[in-house]
PDB file of all heavy atoms in Angstrom:
ATOM      1  N   MET A   1     -24.677  -6.134 -11.377  1.00  0.00           N
ATOM      2  CA  MET A   1     -23.314  -6.017 -10.882  1.00  0.00           C
ATOM      3  C   MET A   1     -23.159  -7.071  -9.792  1.00  0.00           C
ATOM      4  O   MET A   1     -24.088  -7.469  -9.168  1.00  0.00           O
ATOM      5  CB  MET A   1     -22.949  -4.610 -10.464  1.00  0.00           C
ATOM      6  CG  MET A   1     -23.833  -4.093  -9.385  1.00  0.00           C
ATOM      7  SD  MET A   1     -23.717  -2.282  -9.139  1.00  0.00           S
ATOM      8  CE  MET A   1     -24.953  -1.796 -10.306  1.00  0.00           C
ATOM      9  N   ASP A   2     -21.891  -7.474  -9.549  1.00  0.00           N
ATOM     10  CA  ASP A   2     -21.627  -8.433  -8.517  1.00  0.00           C
ATOM     11  C   ASP A   2     -20.871  -7.807  -7.383  1.00  0.00           C
ATOM     12  O   ASP A   2     -19.954  -7.040  -7.649  1.00  0.00           O
ATOM     13  CB  ASP A   2     -20.815  -9.658  -9.126  1.00  0.00           C
ATOM     14  CG  ASP A   2     -21.604 -10.438 -10.069  1.00  0.00           C
ATOM     15  OD1 ASP A   2     -22.819 -10.553  -9.902  1.00  0.00           O
ATOM     16  OD2 ASP A   2     -21.009 -10.965 -11.023  1.00  0.00           O
ATOM     17  N   LEU A   3     -21.272  -8.157  -6.208  1.00  0.00           N
ATOM     18  CA  LEU A   3     -20.539  -7.667  -5.051  1.00  0.00           C
ATOM     19  C   LEU A   3     -19.710  -8.930  -4.549  1.00  0.00           C
ATOM     20  O   LEU A   3     -20.200  -9.947  -4.265  1.00  0.00           O
ATOM     21  CB  LEU A   3     -21.489  -7.230  -3.915  1.00  0.00           C
ATOM     22  CG  LEU A   3     -20.734  -6.561  -2.691  1.00  0.00           C
ATOM     23  CD1 LEU A   3     -21.142  -5.203  -2.567  1.00  0.00           C
ATOM     24  CD2 LEU A   3     -21.049  -7.357  -1.522  1.00  0.00           C
ATOM     25  N   LYS A   4     -18.373  -8.719  -4.448  1.00  0.00           N
ATOM     26  CA  LYS A   4     -17.472  -9.763  -4.091  1.00  0.00           C
ATOM     27  C   LYS A   4     -16.985  -9.513  -2.686  1.00  0.00           C
ATOM     28  O   LYS A   4     -16.478  -8.441  -2.365  1.00  0.00           O
ATOM     29  CB  LYS A   4     -16.347  -9.774  -5.090  1.00  0.00           C
ATOM     30  CG  LYS A   4     -15.305 -10.913  -4.917  1.00  0.00           C
ATOM     31  CD  LYS A   4     -14.327 -11.019  -6.021  1.00  0.00           C
ATOM     32  CE  LYS A   4     -13.421  -9.826  -6.128  1.00  0.00           C
ATOM     33  NZ  LYS A   4     -12.305  -9.984  -7.029  1.00  0.00           N
ATOM     34  N   VAL A   5     -17.042 -10.628  -1.848  1.00  0.00           N
ATOM     35  CA  VAL A   5     -16.516 -10.595  -0.515  1.00  0.00           C
ATOM     36  C   VAL A   5     -15.466 -11.686  -0.376  1.00  0.00           C
ATOM     37  O   VAL A   5     -15.738 -12.857  -0.678  1.00  0.00           O
ATOM     38  CB  VAL A   5     -17.636 -10.784   0.520  1.00  0.00           C
ATOM     39  CG1 VAL A   5     -17.122 -10.840   1.941  1.00  0.00           C
ATOM     40  CG2 VAL A   5     -18.759  -9.705   0.371  1.00  0.00           C
ATOM     41  N   VAL A   6     -14.251 -11.269   0.028  1.00  0.00           N
ATOM     42  CA  VAL A   6     -13.148 -12.273   0.239  1.00  0.00           C
ATOM     43  C   VAL A   6     -13.018 -12.441   1.749  1.00  0.00           C
ATOM     44  O   VAL A   6     -12.803 -11.451   2.513  1.00  0.00           O
ATOM     45  CB  VAL A   6     -11.855 -11.734  -0.407  1.00  0.00           C
ATOM     46  CG1 VAL A   6     -10.775 -12.735  -0.191  1.00  0.00           C
ATOM     47  CG2 VAL A   6     -12.073 -11.462  -1.855  1.00  0.00           C
ATOM     48  N   VAL A   7     -13.061 -13.707   2.174  1.00  0.00           N
ATOM     49  CA  VAL A   7     -12.911 -14.035   3.635  1.00  0.00           C
ATOM     50  C   VAL A   7     -11.904 -15.176   3.791  1.00  0.00           C
ATOM     51  O   VAL A   7     -11.644 -15.901   2.881  1.00  0.00           O
ATOM     52  CB  VAL A   7     -14.255 -14.502   4.176  1.00  0.00           C
ATOM     53  CG1 VAL A   7     -15.269 -13.344   4.148  1.00  0.00           C
ATOM     54  CG2 VAL A   7     -14.817 -15.688   3.594  1.00  0.00           C
ATOM     55  N   ASP A   8     -11.272 -15.236   4.979  1.00  0.00           N
ATOM     56  CA  ASP A   8     -10.511 -16.374   5.404  1.00  0.00           C
ATOM     57  C   ASP A   8     -11.275 -16.884   6.584  1.00  0.00           C
ATOM     58  O   ASP A   8     -12.401 -16.564   6.835  1.00  0.00           O
ATOM     59  CB  ASP A   8      -9.074 -16.089   5.641  1.00  0.00           C
ATOM     60  CG  ASP A   8      -8.828 -15.054   6.746  1.00  0.00           C
ATOM     61  OD1 ASP A   8      -9.729 -14.728   7.478  1.00  0.00           O
ATOM     62  OD2 ASP A   8      -7.706 -14.574   6.895  1.00  0.00           O
ATOM     63  N   ASP A   9     -10.619 -17.774   7.365  1.00  0.00           N
ATOM     64  CA  ASP A   9     -11.359 -18.503   8.438  1.00  0.00           C
ATOM     65  C   ASP A   9     -12.101 -17.623   9.439  1.00  0.00           C
ATOM     66  O   ASP A   9     -13.167 -17.900   9.906  1.00  0.00           O
ATOM     67  CB  ASP A   9     -10.410 -19.404   9.181  1.00  0.00           C
ATOM     68  CG  ASP A   9      -9.907 -20.513   8.307  1.00  0.00           C
ATOM     69  OD1 ASP A   9     -10.497 -20.800   7.304  1.00  0.00           O
ATOM     70  OD2 ASP A   9      -8.832 -21.140   8.717  1.00  0.00           O
ATOM     71  N   ASN A  10     -11.467 -16.445   9.761  1.00  0.00           N
ATOM     72  CA  ASN A  10     -12.045 -15.577  10.836  1.00  0.00           C
ATOM     73  C   ASN A  10     -12.154 -14.128  10.516  1.00  0.00           C
ATOM     74  O   ASN A  10     -12.510 -13.348  11.343  1.00  0.00           O
ATOM     75  CB  ASN A  10     -11.191 -15.715  12.084  1.00  0.00           C
ATOM     76  CG  ASN A  10     -11.182 -17.068  12.714  1.00  0.00           C
ATOM     77  OD1 ASN A  10     -12.236 -17.752  12.736  1.00  0.00           O
ATOM     78  ND2 ASN A  10     -10.045 -17.486  13.148  1.00  0.00           N
ATOM     79  N   ARG A  11     -11.816 -13.781   9.223  1.00  0.00           N
ATOM     80  CA  ARG A  11     -11.728 -12.378   8.953  1.00  0.00           C
ATOM     81  C   ARG A  11     -12.431 -12.092   7.578  1.00  0.00           C
ATOM     82  O   ARG A  11     -12.321 -12.872   6.654  1.00  0.00           O
ATOM     83  CB  ARG A  11     -10.395 -11.849   8.877  1.00  0.00           C
ATOM     84  CG  ARG A  11      -9.658 -11.777  10.255  1.00  0.00           C
ATOM     85  CD  ARG A  11      -8.429 -11.043  10.299  1.00  0.00           C
ATOM     86  NE  ARG A  11      -8.542  -9.703   9.813  1.00  0.00           N
ATOM     87  CZ  ARG A  11      -9.051  -8.596  10.465  1.00  0.00           C
ATOM     88  NH1 ARG A  11      -9.507  -8.803  11.683  1.00  0.00           N
ATOM     89  NH2 ARG A  11      -9.083  -7.415   9.984  1.00  0.00           N
ATOM     90  N   ILE A  12     -12.995 -10.937   7.471  1.00  0.00           N
ATOM     91  CA  ILE A  12     -13.471 -10.358   6.221  1.00  0.00           C
ATOM     92  C   ILE A  12     -12.307  -9.541   5.669  1.00  0.00           C
ATOM     93  O   ILE A  12     -11.916  -8.584   6.242  1.00  0.00           O
ATOM     94  CB  ILE A  12     -14.724  -9.524   6.378  1.00  0.00           C
ATOM     95  CG1 ILE A  12     -15.819 -10.323   7.052  1.00  0.00           C
ATOM     96  CG2 ILE A  12     -15.182  -8.953   5.070  1.00  0.00           C
ATOM     97  CD1 ILE A  12     -17.038  -9.529   7.522  1.00  0.00           C
ATOM     98  N   ASN A  13     -11.733  -9.925   4.557  1.00  0.00           N
ATOM     99  CA  ASN A  13     -10.461  -9.352   4.064  1.00  0.00           C
ATOM    100  C   ASN A  13     -10.818  -8.214   3.008  1.00  0.00           C
ATOM    101  O   ASN A  13     -10.042  -7.206   2.941  1.00  0.00           O
ATOM    102  CB  ASN A  13      -9.540 -10.395   3.436  1.00  0.00           C
ATOM    103  CG  ASN A  13      -9.045 -11.271   4.523  1.00  0.00           C
ATOM    104  OD1 ASN A  13      -8.845 -10.862   5.702  1.00  0.00           O
ATOM    105  ND2 ASN A  13      -8.834 -12.524   4.254  1.00  0.00           N
ATOM    106  N   ALA A  14     -11.737  -8.460   2.100  1.00  0.00           N
ATOM    107  CA  ALA A  14     -12.056  -7.492   0.966  1.00  0.00           C
ATOM    108  C   ALA A  14     -13.468  -7.524   0.598  1.00  0.00           C
ATOM    109  O   ALA A  14     -14.099  -8.569   0.596  1.00  0.00           O
ATOM    110  CB  ALA A  14     -11.085  -7.830  -0.188  1.00  0.00           C
ATOM    111  N   ILE A  15     -13.951  -6.376   0.229  1.00  0.00           N
ATOM    112  CA  ILE A  15     -15.237  -6.178  -0.363  1.00  0.00           C
ATOM    113  C   ILE A  15     -15.137  -5.227  -1.608  1.00  0.00           C
ATOM    114  O   ILE A  15     -14.550  -4.173  -1.442  1.00  0.00           O
ATOM    115  CB  ILE A  15     -16.266  -5.557   0.650  1.00  0.00           C
ATOM    116  CG1 ILE A  15     -16.323  -6.448   1.893  1.00  0.00           C
ATOM    117  CG2 ILE A  15     -17.655  -5.396   0.056  1.00  0.00           C
ATOM    118  CD1 ILE A  15     -17.101  -5.819   3.136  1.00  0.00           C
ATOM    119  N   SER A  16     -15.681  -5.742  -2.704  1.00  0.00           N
ATOM    120  CA  SER A  16     -15.532  -4.921  -3.908  1.00  0.00           C
ATOM    121  C   SER A  16     -16.685  -5.190  -4.868  1.00  0.00           C
ATOM    122  O   SER A  16     -17.421  -6.200  -4.751  1.00  0.00           O
ATOM    123  CB  SER A  16     -14.224  -5.226  -4.617  1.00  0.00           C
ATOM    124  OG  SER A  16     -14.214  -6.550  -5.034  1.00  0.00           O
ATOM    125  N   LEU A  17     -16.892  -4.227  -5.854  1.00  0.00           N
ATOM    126  CA  LEU A  17     -17.958  -4.409  -6.804  1.00  0.00           C
ATOM    127  C   LEU A  17     -17.238  -4.871  -8.086  1.00  0.00           C
ATOM    128  O   LEU A  17     -16.200  -4.355  -8.574  1.00  0.00           O
ATOM    129  CB  LEU A  17     -18.611  -3.072  -7.082  1.00  0.00           C
ATOM    130  CG  LEU A  17     -19.637  -2.591  -6.127  1.00  0.00           C
ATOM    131  CD1 LEU A  17     -20.071  -1.173  -6.444  1.00  0.00           C
ATOM    132  CD2 LEU A  17     -20.844  -3.501  -6.176  1.00  0.00           C
ATOM    133  N   ASP A  18     -17.807  -5.983  -8.671  1.00  0.00           N
ATOM    134  CA  ASP A  18     -17.297  -6.440  -9.941  1.00  0.00           C
ATOM    135  C   ASP A  18     -18.377  -6.234 -11.022  1.00  0.00           C
ATOM    136  O   ASP A  18     -19.597  -6.114 -10.718  1.00  0.00           O
ATOM    137  CB  ASP A  18     -17.052  -7.953  -9.835  1.00  0.00           C
ATOM    138  CG  ASP A  18     -15.658  -8.285  -9.147  1.00  0.00           C
ATOM    139  OD1 ASP A  18     -14.954  -7.227  -8.926  1.00  0.00           O
ATOM    140  OD2 ASP A  18     -15.463  -9.442  -8.834  1.00  0.00           O
ATOM    141  N   ASN A  19     -17.988  -6.159 -12.211  1.00  0.00           N
ATOM    142  CA  ASN A  19     -18.907  -5.953 -13.358  1.00  0.00           C
ATOM    143  C   ASN A  19     -19.649  -4.720 -13.303  1.00  0.00           C
ATOM    144  O   ASN A  19     -20.817  -4.611 -13.712  1.00  0.00           O
ATOM    145  CB  ASN A  19     -19.889  -7.119 -13.513  1.00  0.00           C
ATOM    146  CG  ASN A  19     -19.157  -8.478 -13.650  1.00  0.00           C
ATOM    147  OD1 ASN A  19     -18.057  -8.566 -14.136  1.00  0.00           O
ATOM    148  ND2 ASN A  19     -19.823  -9.524 -13.170  1.00  0.00           N
ATOM    149  N   LEU A  20     -19.021  -3.670 -12.742  1.00  0.00           N
ATOM    150  CA  LEU A  20     -19.658  -2.373 -12.717  1.00  0.00           C
ATOM    151  C   LEU A  20     -19.204  -1.624 -13.920  1.00  0.00           C
ATOM    152  O   LEU A  20     -18.115  -1.069 -14.006  1.00  0.00           O
ATOM    153  CB  LEU A  20     -19.205  -1.622 -11.397  1.00  0.00           C
ATOM    154  CG  LEU A  20     -19.803  -0.189 -11.187  1.00  0.00           C
ATOM    155  CD1 LEU A  20     -21.290  -0.303 -10.981  1.00  0.00           C
ATOM    156  CD2 LEU A  20     -19.172   0.453  -9.991  1.00  0.00           C
ATOM    157  N   ASP A  21     -20.055  -1.547 -14.954  1.00  0.00           N
ATOM    158  CA  ASP A  21     -19.711  -0.929 -16.196  1.00  0.00           C
ATOM    159  C   ASP A  21     -19.835   0.559 -16.108  1.00  0.00           C
ATOM    160  O   ASP A  21     -20.393   1.136 -15.113  1.00  0.00           O
ATOM    161  CB  ASP A  21     -20.512  -1.462 -17.420  1.00  0.00           C
ATOM    162  CG  ASP A  21     -22.016  -1.289 -17.203  1.00  0.00           C
ATOM    163  OD1 ASP A  21     -22.433  -0.715 -16.160  1.00  0.00           O
ATOM    164  OD2 ASP A  21     -22.790  -1.697 -18.089  1.00  0.00           O
ATOM    165  N   GLU A  22     -19.361   1.296 -17.117  1.00  0.00           N
ATOM    166  CA  GLU A  22     -19.390   2.781 -17.029  1.00  0.00           C
ATOM    167  C   GLU A  22     -20.764   3.320 -16.995  1.00  0.00           C
ATOM    168  O   GLU A  22     -21.011   4.337 -16.348  1.00  0.00           O
ATOM    169  CB  GLU A  22     -18.616   3.329 -18.280  1.00  0.00           C
ATOM    170  CG  GLU A  22     -17.174   3.081 -18.228  1.00  0.00           C
ATOM    171  CD  GLU A  22     -16.496   3.761 -19.437  1.00  0.00           C
ATOM    172  OE1 GLU A  22     -17.011   4.658 -20.051  1.00  0.00           O
ATOM    173  OE2 GLU A  22     -15.435   3.188 -19.840  1.00  0.00           O
ATOM    174  N   THR A  23     -21.707   2.711 -17.659  1.00  0.00           N
ATOM    175  CA  THR A  23     -23.098   3.183 -17.584  1.00  0.00           C
ATOM    176  C   THR A  23     -23.713   3.119 -16.193  1.00  0.00           C
ATOM    177  O   THR A  23     -24.279   4.080 -15.748  1.00  0.00           O
ATOM    178  CB  THR A  23     -23.968   2.351 -18.564  1.00  0.00           C
ATOM    179  OG1 THR A  23     -23.343   2.340 -19.849  1.00  0.00           O
ATOM    180  CG2 THR A  23     -25.356   2.943 -18.652  1.00  0.00           C
ATOM    181  N   ALA A  24     -23.475   2.031 -15.597  1.00  0.00           N
ATOM    182  CA  ALA A  24     -24.045   1.865 -14.182  1.00  0.00           C
ATOM    183  C   ALA A  24     -23.254   2.819 -13.244  1.00  0.00           C
ATOM    184  O   ALA A  24     -23.889   3.359 -12.323  1.00  0.00           O
ATOM    185  CB  ALA A  24     -23.809   0.400 -13.764  1.00  0.00           C
ATOM    186  N   ALA A  25     -21.928   3.014 -13.449  1.00  0.00           N
ATOM    187  CA  ALA A  25     -21.178   3.883 -12.564  1.00  0.00           C
ATOM    188  C   ALA A  25     -21.643   5.321 -12.762  1.00  0.00           C
ATOM    189  O   ALA A  25     -21.720   6.111 -11.811  1.00  0.00           O
ATOM    190  CB  ALA A  25     -19.726   3.760 -12.831  1.00  0.00           C
ATOM    191  N   THR A  26     -22.053   5.644 -13.980  1.00  0.00           N
ATOM    192  CA  THR A  26     -22.524   7.027 -14.221  1.00  0.00           C
ATOM    193  C   THR A  26     -23.944   7.184 -13.684  1.00  0.00           C
ATOM    194  O   THR A  26     -24.213   8.272 -13.124  1.00  0.00           O
ATOM    195  CB  THR A  26     -22.577   7.267 -15.776  1.00  0.00           C
ATOM    196  OG1 THR A  26     -21.221   7.037 -16.286  1.00  0.00           O
ATOM    197  CG2 THR A  26     -23.004   8.690 -16.055  1.00  0.00           C
ATOM    198  N   MET A  27     -24.822   6.158 -13.807  1.00  0.00           N
ATOM    199  CA  MET A  27     -26.159   6.272 -13.329  1.00  0.00           C
ATOM    200  C   MET A  27     -26.237   6.187 -11.745  1.00  0.00           C
ATOM    201  O   MET A  27     -27.141   6.785 -11.176  1.00  0.00           O
ATOM    202  CB  MET A  27     -27.013   5.179 -13.901  1.00  0.00           C
ATOM    203  CG  MET A  27     -27.248   5.380 -15.385  1.00  0.00           C
ATOM    204  SD  MET A  27     -28.376   4.082 -16.035  1.00  0.00           S
ATOM    205  CE  MET A  27     -29.877   4.402 -15.183  1.00  0.00           C
ATOM    206  N   TYR A  28     -25.275   5.509 -11.162  1.00  0.00           N
ATOM    207  CA  TYR A  28     -25.289   5.375  -9.737  1.00  0.00           C
ATOM    208  C   TYR A  28     -23.930   5.801  -9.200  1.00  0.00           C
ATOM    209  O   TYR A  28     -23.101   5.008  -8.785  1.00  0.00           O
ATOM    210  CB  TYR A  28     -25.548   3.908  -9.352  1.00  0.00           C
ATOM    211  CG  TYR A  28     -26.860   3.406  -9.887  1.00  0.00           C
ATOM    212  CD1 TYR A  28     -26.883   2.534 -10.976  1.00  0.00           C
ATOM    213  CD2 TYR A  28     -28.049   3.806  -9.366  1.00  0.00           C
ATOM    214  CE1 TYR A  28     -28.065   2.120 -11.552  1.00  0.00           C
ATOM    215  CE2 TYR A  28     -29.251   3.322  -9.892  1.00  0.00           C
ATOM    216  CZ  TYR A  28     -29.217   2.464 -10.971  1.00  0.00           C
ATOM    217  OH  TYR A  28     -30.410   2.060 -11.515  1.00  0.00           O
ATOM    218  N   PRO A  29     -23.718   7.184  -9.156  1.00  0.00           N
ATOM    219  CA  PRO A  29     -22.367   7.636  -8.718  1.00  0.00           C
ATOM    220  C   PRO A  29     -22.063   7.415  -7.285  1.00  0.00           C
ATOM    221  O   PRO A  29     -20.877   7.427  -6.851  1.00  0.00           O
ATOM    222  CB  PRO A  29     -22.453   9.113  -9.092  1.00  0.00           C
ATOM    223  CG  PRO A  29     -23.846   9.498  -9.043  1.00  0.00           C
ATOM    224  CD  PRO A  29     -24.566   8.222  -9.530  1.00  0.00           C
ATOM    225  N   LEU A  30     -23.073   7.145  -6.415  1.00  0.00           N
ATOM    226  CA  LEU A  30     -22.842   6.994  -4.990  1.00  0.00           C
ATOM    227  C   LEU A  30     -22.519   5.560  -4.647  1.00  0.00           C
ATOM    228  O   LEU A  30     -22.255   5.204  -3.480  1.00  0.00           O
ATOM    229  CB  LEU A  30     -24.083   7.428  -4.215  1.00  0.00           C
ATOM    230  CG  LEU A  30     -24.406   8.941  -4.307  1.00  0.00           C
ATOM    231  CD1 LEU A  30     -25.709   9.254  -3.534  1.00  0.00           C
ATOM    232  CD2 LEU A  30     -23.254   9.765  -3.900  1.00  0.00           C
ATOM    233  N   MET A  31     -22.620   4.686  -5.592  1.00  0.00           N
ATOM    234  CA  MET A  31     -22.435   3.232  -5.312  1.00  0.00           C
ATOM    235  C   MET A  31     -21.039   2.929  -4.733  1.00  0.00           C
ATOM    236  O   MET A  31     -20.904   2.326  -3.700  1.00  0.00           O
ATOM    237  CB  MET A  31     -22.645   2.438  -6.564  1.00  0.00           C
ATOM    238  CG  MET A  31     -22.688   0.934  -6.371  1.00  0.00           C
ATOM    239  SD  MET A  31     -24.117   0.383  -5.435  1.00  0.00           S
ATOM    240  CE  MET A  31     -25.384   0.517  -6.618  1.00  0.00           C
ATOM    241  N   GLN A  32     -20.013   3.418  -5.447  1.00  0.00           N
ATOM    242  CA  GLN A  32     -18.616   3.077  -4.990  1.00  0.00           C
ATOM    243  C   GLN A  32     -18.285   3.805  -3.618  1.00  0.00           C
ATOM    244  O   GLN A  32     -17.715   3.209  -2.770  1.00  0.00           O
ATOM    245  CB  GLN A  32     -17.628   3.402  -6.071  1.00  0.00           C
ATOM    246  CG  GLN A  32     -16.215   2.883  -5.773  1.00  0.00           C
ATOM    247  CD  GLN A  32     -16.140   1.365  -5.583  1.00  0.00           C
ATOM    248  OE1 GLN A  32     -16.728   0.652  -6.457  1.00  0.00           O
ATOM    249  NE2 GLN A  32     -15.443   0.912  -4.583  1.00  0.00           N
ATOM    250  N   PRO A  33     -18.587   5.094  -3.530  1.00  0.00           N
ATOM    251  CA  PRO A  33     -18.271   5.750  -2.255  1.00  0.00           C
ATOM    252  C   PRO A  33     -19.018   5.184  -1.095  1.00  0.00           C
ATOM    253  O   PRO A  33     -18.487   5.043  -0.009  1.00  0.00           O
ATOM    254  CB  PRO A  33     -18.693   7.255  -2.518  1.00  0.00           C
ATOM    255  CG  PRO A  33     -18.650   7.413  -3.978  1.00  0.00           C
ATOM    256  CD  PRO A  33     -19.032   6.052  -4.593  1.00  0.00           C
ATOM    257  N   ALA A  34     -20.275   4.791  -1.291  1.00  0.00           N
ATOM    258  CA  ALA A  34     -21.063   4.178  -0.247  1.00  0.00           C
ATOM    259  C   ALA A  34     -20.457   2.852   0.146  1.00  0.00           C
ATOM    260  O   ALA A  34     -20.356   2.527   1.334  1.00  0.00           O
ATOM    261  CB  ALA A  34     -22.509   4.000  -0.633  1.00  0.00           C
ATOM    262  N   LEU A  35     -20.030   2.102  -0.825  1.00  0.00           N
ATOM    263  CA  LEU A  35     -19.363   0.764  -0.507  1.00  0.00           C
ATOM    264  C   LEU A  35     -18.060   0.981   0.177  1.00  0.00           C
ATOM    265  O   LEU A  35     -17.719   0.241   1.164  1.00  0.00           O
ATOM    266  CB  LEU A  35     -19.125   0.001  -1.792  1.00  0.00           C
ATOM    267  CG  LEU A  35     -18.459  -1.371  -1.629  1.00  0.00           C
ATOM    268  CD1 LEU A  35     -19.423  -2.290  -0.833  1.00  0.00           C
ATOM    269  CD2 LEU A  35     -18.035  -1.933  -2.972  1.00  0.00           C
ATOM    270  N   ASP A  36     -17.275   2.031  -0.164  1.00  0.00           N
ATOM    271  CA  ASP A  36     -16.006   2.264   0.550  1.00  0.00           C
ATOM    272  C   ASP A  36     -16.274   2.559   1.965  1.00  0.00           C
ATOM    273  O   ASP A  36     -15.549   2.072   2.886  1.00  0.00           O
ATOM    274  CB  ASP A  36     -15.255   3.450  -0.146  1.00  0.00           C
ATOM    275  CG  ASP A  36     -14.780   3.069  -1.504  1.00  0.00           C
ATOM    276  OD1 ASP A  36     -14.729   1.916  -1.845  1.00  0.00           O
ATOM    277  OD2 ASP A  36     -14.507   4.004  -2.305  1.00  0.00           O
ATOM    278  N   LYS A  37     -17.310   3.379   2.334  1.00  0.00           N
ATOM    279  CA  LYS A  37     -17.555   3.786   3.715  1.00  0.00           C
ATOM    280  C   LYS A  37     -18.108   2.552   4.457  1.00  0.00           C
ATOM    281  O   LYS A  37     -17.614   2.276   5.668  1.00  0.00           O
ATOM    282  CB  LYS A  37     -18.631   4.876   3.789  1.00  0.00           C
ATOM    283  CG  LYS A  37     -18.073   6.259   3.410  1.00  0.00           C
ATOM    284  CD  LYS A  37     -19.110   7.347   3.473  1.00  0.00           C
ATOM    285  CE  LYS A  37     -18.547   8.636   2.937  1.00  0.00           C
ATOM    286  NZ  LYS A  37     -19.614   9.642   2.995  1.00  0.00           N
TER     287      LYS A  37
END
């Protein structure tokens, strides 16, 4: 899976997981909530 970070000159604007398929989301249910926190 890919972790995507969007930045501009001085700020971190967005952090998200890409290519997280259903199998990986089922096997690692804490991945998205941990990333959100």
